[in-house]
Protein backbone atom coordinates (compact mmCIF):
# COMPACT_ATOMS: atom_id res chain seq x y z
CA UNK A 1 19.42 -7.75 48.47
CA UNK A 2 21.41 -4.39 46.42
CA UNK A 3 20.51 -1.00 45.99
CA UNK A 4 20.37 -1.79 42.32
CA UNK A 5 17.97 -4.60 43.01
CA UNK A 6 15.56 -2.64 45.03
CA UNK A 7 15.68 0.38 42.68
CA UNK A 8 14.80 -2.10 39.80
CA UNK A 9 11.98 -3.56 41.75
CA UNK A 10 10.68 -0.03 42.70
CA UNK A 11 10.98 1.10 39.38
CA UNK A 12 8.51 -2.07 37.80
CA UNK A 13 6.45 -1.94 39.93
CA UNK A 14 5.71 1.50 39.30
CA UNK A 15 5.59 1.22 35.68
CA UNK A 16 2.88 3.24 33.57
CA UNK A 17 -0.04 0.18 32.28
CA UNK A 18 -3.18 1.18 31.03
CA UNK A 19 -5.18 -1.97 30.33
CA UNK A 20 -8.24 -2.16 27.90
CA UNK A 21 -6.28 0.14 24.94
CA UNK A 22 -7.70 -1.14 21.81
CA UNK A 23 -7.29 0.12 18.10
CA UNK A 24 -9.69 -1.49 15.58
CA UNK A 25 -8.75 -1.47 11.72
CA UNK A 26 -11.64 -1.99 9.12
CA UNK A 27 -12.28 -1.93 5.51
CA UNK A 28 -14.64 0.09 3.16
CA UNK A 29 -15.23 0.46 -0.58
CA UNK A 30 -16.67 3.58 -1.37
CA UNK A 31 -17.59 2.34 -4.67
CA UNK A 32 -18.22 -1.86 -4.61
CA UNK A 33 -17.38 -3.64 -7.44
CA UNK A 34 -20.48 -5.20 -9.67
CA UNK A 35 -18.05 -8.31 -9.95
CA UNK A 36 -18.91 -12.00 -8.82
CA UNK A 37 -15.27 -12.33 -7.18
CA UNK A 38 -12.86 -9.54 -6.18
CA UNK A 39 -11.25 -9.56 -3.42
CA UNK A 40 -7.78 -7.14 -1.91
CA UNK A 41 -4.96 -9.03 0.15
CA UNK A 42 -3.71 -6.81 3.20
CA UNK A 43 -1.16 -9.38 5.18
CA UNK A 44 0.57 -6.97 7.55
CA UNK A 45 -1.29 -3.59 9.73
CA UNK A 46 0.88 -1.74 11.91
CA UNK A 47 0.26 0.92 14.10
CA UNK A 48 2.88 3.92 13.54
CA UNK A 49 4.10 5.61 16.67
CA UNK A 50 4.42 8.96 17.14
CA UNK A 51 7.46 10.69 18.75
CA UNK A 52 6.65 11.42 21.63
CA UNK A 53 8.89 12.08 24.84
CA UNK A 54 8.13 9.10 27.26
CA UNK A 55 8.59 9.32 31.68
CA UNK A 56 12.01 7.87 32.62
CA UNK A 57 10.68 5.20 34.36
CA UNK A 58 8.91 3.84 31.18
CA UNK A 59 11.89 3.58 29.66
CA UNK A 60 13.50 1.39 32.39
CA UNK A 61 10.62 -0.60 32.77
CA UNK A 62 11.20 -4.35 31.26
CA UNK A 63 7.18 -4.83 32.02
CA UNK A 64 5.02 -4.73 28.71
CA UNK A 65 1.60 -6.66 28.26
CA UNK A 66 0.02 -4.95 25.47
CA UNK A 67 -0.59 -7.83 22.60
CA UNK A 68 -2.11 -7.53 19.13
CA UNK A 69 -4.13 -10.23 17.73
CA UNK A 70 -5.90 -11.30 14.58
CA UNK A 71 -6.33 -13.96 12.50
CA UNK A 72 -3.65 -17.21 12.98
CA UNK A 73 -0.16 -15.47 13.04
CA UNK A 74 0.35 -12.89 14.82
CA UNK A 75 3.46 -11.34 15.13
CA UNK A 76 3.55 -10.82 18.90
CA UNK A 77 7.00 -9.07 19.72
CA UNK A 78 5.88 -5.76 19.02
CA UNK A 79 1.92 -4.71 20.17
CA UNK A 80 1.51 -2.25 17.29
CA UNK A 81 2.28 -5.06 14.52
CA UNK A 82 -0.45 -7.79 13.53
CA UNK A 83 0.28 -10.44 10.77
CA UNK A 84 -2.84 -12.03 10.07
CA UNK A 85 -3.83 -12.07 6.44
CA UNK A 86 -7.07 -10.74 5.64
CA UNK A 87 -9.13 -10.21 2.35
CA UNK A 88 -11.20 -7.73 1.82
CA UNK A 89 -14.13 -8.17 -0.73
CA UNK A 90 -14.42 -5.06 -3.02
CA UNK A 91 -17.90 -6.41 -3.82
CA UNK A 92 -18.79 -5.18 0.26
CA UNK A 93 -19.59 -1.77 1.00
CA UNK A 94 -19.75 -2.67 4.16
CA UNK A 95 -17.44 -2.35 7.10
CA UNK A 96 -14.67 -5.27 7.17
CA UNK A 97 -12.39 -5.93 9.77
CA UNK A 98 -8.82 -5.93 9.32
CA UNK A 99 -6.88 -6.40 12.57
CA UNK A 100 -7.55 -5.58 16.13
CA UNK A 101 -4.92 -4.25 18.48
CA UNK A 102 -4.39 -3.58 22.53
CA UNK A 103 -1.15 -1.20 21.88
CA UNK A 104 0.64 0.12 25.13
CA UNK A 105 -0.32 3.91 26.13
CA UNK A 106 0.91 6.38 23.40
CA UNK A 107 0.03 8.74 20.18
CA UNK A 108 -0.30 6.73 17.22
CA UNK A 109 -0.18 8.91 13.79
CA UNK A 110 -0.30 6.61 10.59
CA UNK A 111 -1.20 3.00 9.73
CA UNK A 112 1.47 0.83 7.71
CA UNK A 113 -0.52 -1.86 5.48
CA UNK A 114 1.28 -4.53 3.39
CA UNK A 115 -0.20 -5.25 0.34
CA UNK A 116 0.45 -8.84 -0.93
CA UNK A 117 0.01 -12.24 -2.59
CA UNK A 118 -2.63 -13.78 -0.30
CA UNK A 119 -2.18 -16.69 2.28
CA UNK A 120 -5.74 -16.14 3.85
CA UNK A 121 -8.16 -18.10 1.38
CA UNK A 122 -7.72 -19.88 -1.20
CA UNK A 123 -9.80 -18.39 -3.37
CA UNK A 124 -7.76 -15.30 -4.04
CA UNK A 125 -5.39 -17.95 -5.51
CA UNK A 126 -2.60 -16.34 -4.05
CA UNK A 127 -2.82 -12.98 -5.46
CA UNK A 128 -2.84 -9.68 -3.94
CA UNK A 129 -5.66 -8.50 -6.44
CA UNK A 130 -8.36 -11.04 -8.05
CA UNK A 131 -10.84 -9.73 -10.17
CA UNK A 132 -13.30 -12.13 -11.38
CA UNK A 133 -16.96 -11.99 -13.57
CA UNK A 134 -18.98 -9.97 -16.34
CA UNK A 135 -16.24 -10.36 -18.58
CA UNK A 136 -12.90 -9.69 -16.54
CA UNK A 137 -10.34 -11.77 -15.25
CA UNK A 138 -7.86 -10.07 -13.86
CA UNK A 139 -5.25 -10.73 -10.90
CA UNK A 140 -1.84 -9.25 -9.82
CA UNK A 141 0.89 -11.02 -7.50
CA UNK A 142 2.41 -7.30 -6.65
CA UNK A 143 3.90 -6.60 -3.34
CA UNK A 144 3.08 -2.71 -1.71
CA UNK A 145 3.67 -1.50 1.49
CA UNK A 146 1.69 2.23 1.79
CA UNK A 147 1.52 4.09 5.04
CA UNK A 148 -1.13 6.51 5.51
CA UNK A 149 -1.35 9.26 8.11
CA UNK A 150 -3.69 11.02 9.92
CA UNK A 151 -3.72 13.47 12.64
CA UNK A 152 -2.49 12.51 15.99
CA UNK A 153 -4.49 10.34 18.32
CA UNK A 154 -3.66 10.00 21.93
CA UNK A 155 -4.13 6.22 23.34
CA UNK A 156 -4.55 6.74 27.25
CA UNK A 157 -7.17 6.42 30.18
CA UNK A 158 -9.26 8.98 28.72
CA UNK A 159 -8.73 7.98 25.11
CA UNK A 160 -8.94 3.67 25.37
CA UNK A 161 -10.43 3.09 21.97
CA UNK A 162 -10.02 4.35 18.32
CA UNK A 163 -11.11 2.74 15.07
CA UNK A 164 -9.11 3.13 11.58
CA UNK A 165 -11.60 3.36 9.31
CA UNK A 166 -9.72 2.52 5.79
CA UNK A 167 -11.50 3.67 2.75
CA UNK A 168 -10.76 2.37 -0.61
CA UNK A 169 -12.50 3.97 -4.16
CA UNK A 170 -13.05 0.77 -6.35
CA UNK A 171 -12.93 1.75 -9.93
CA UNK A 172 -13.51 -0.26 -13.08
CA UNK A 173 -10.68 -2.48 -14.38
CA UNK A 174 -7.71 -1.07 -16.04
CA UNK A 175 -5.62 -2.71 -18.91
CA UNK A 176 -4.67 -4.96 -16.96
CA UNK A 177 -4.45 -6.37 -12.62
CA UNK A 178 -1.24 -4.87 -11.61
CA UNK A 179 -2.48 -1.31 -13.08
CA UNK A 180 -5.95 -1.99 -11.18
CA UNK A 181 -4.34 -2.69 -8.34
CA UNK A 182 -1.96 0.18 -8.50
CA UNK A 183 -5.07 2.36 -9.24
CA UNK A 184 -7.23 1.09 -6.65
CA UNK A 185 -4.05 1.48 -3.97
CA UNK A 186 -3.81 5.29 -4.87
CA UNK A 187 -7.27 5.50 -3.24
CA UNK A 188 -7.03 4.47 0.06
CA UNK A 189 -7.30 7.22 2.84
CA UNK A 190 -7.51 6.88 6.05
CA UNK A 191 -10.40 8.14 9.02
CA UNK A 192 -9.81 7.88 12.86
CA UNK A 193 -12.45 7.77 15.10
CA UNK A 194 -11.94 8.05 18.71
CA UNK A 195 -14.48 6.01 21.11
CA UNK A 196 -15.06 6.23 24.09
């Protein structure tokens, strides 16, 4: 066996793994709308990593056992990305699950959200925003990517779990669906809560 092969096996055997790391993303509506139907479609969620130095042996290691999961379609090539269409009910003030990740160790500083026409549920009728009731019917099929930063959070053995709470301040509908969607997305904030 060559020296290179021995070095490869030693490096991969010493690869840093920390099973059990978990990040949950939920959505909450601060002022639920009093409509028959009010939905917002989130098609993709990505954890944005902080730029930090990595130990040299982690850069060489080909081993990666972390996977993202949630919904039927999953982009498994990157454990910090979940492609899982979710409808957020803007009529509910309860926390609603959006995505769950099992990321590799490191720090995260932001979450990137893709709002796009729904493929999750026929009730949303292929819209990003759908409002109906009380004499109102609005829809928008616009696509937006919104990235929200928060104070850096480490994910490691000492900090194995994190919940990111997305908060929306739902306001009464605007002149049209596109205007209402833009106003709603301008209110998005994120709160990061560590769990042990």
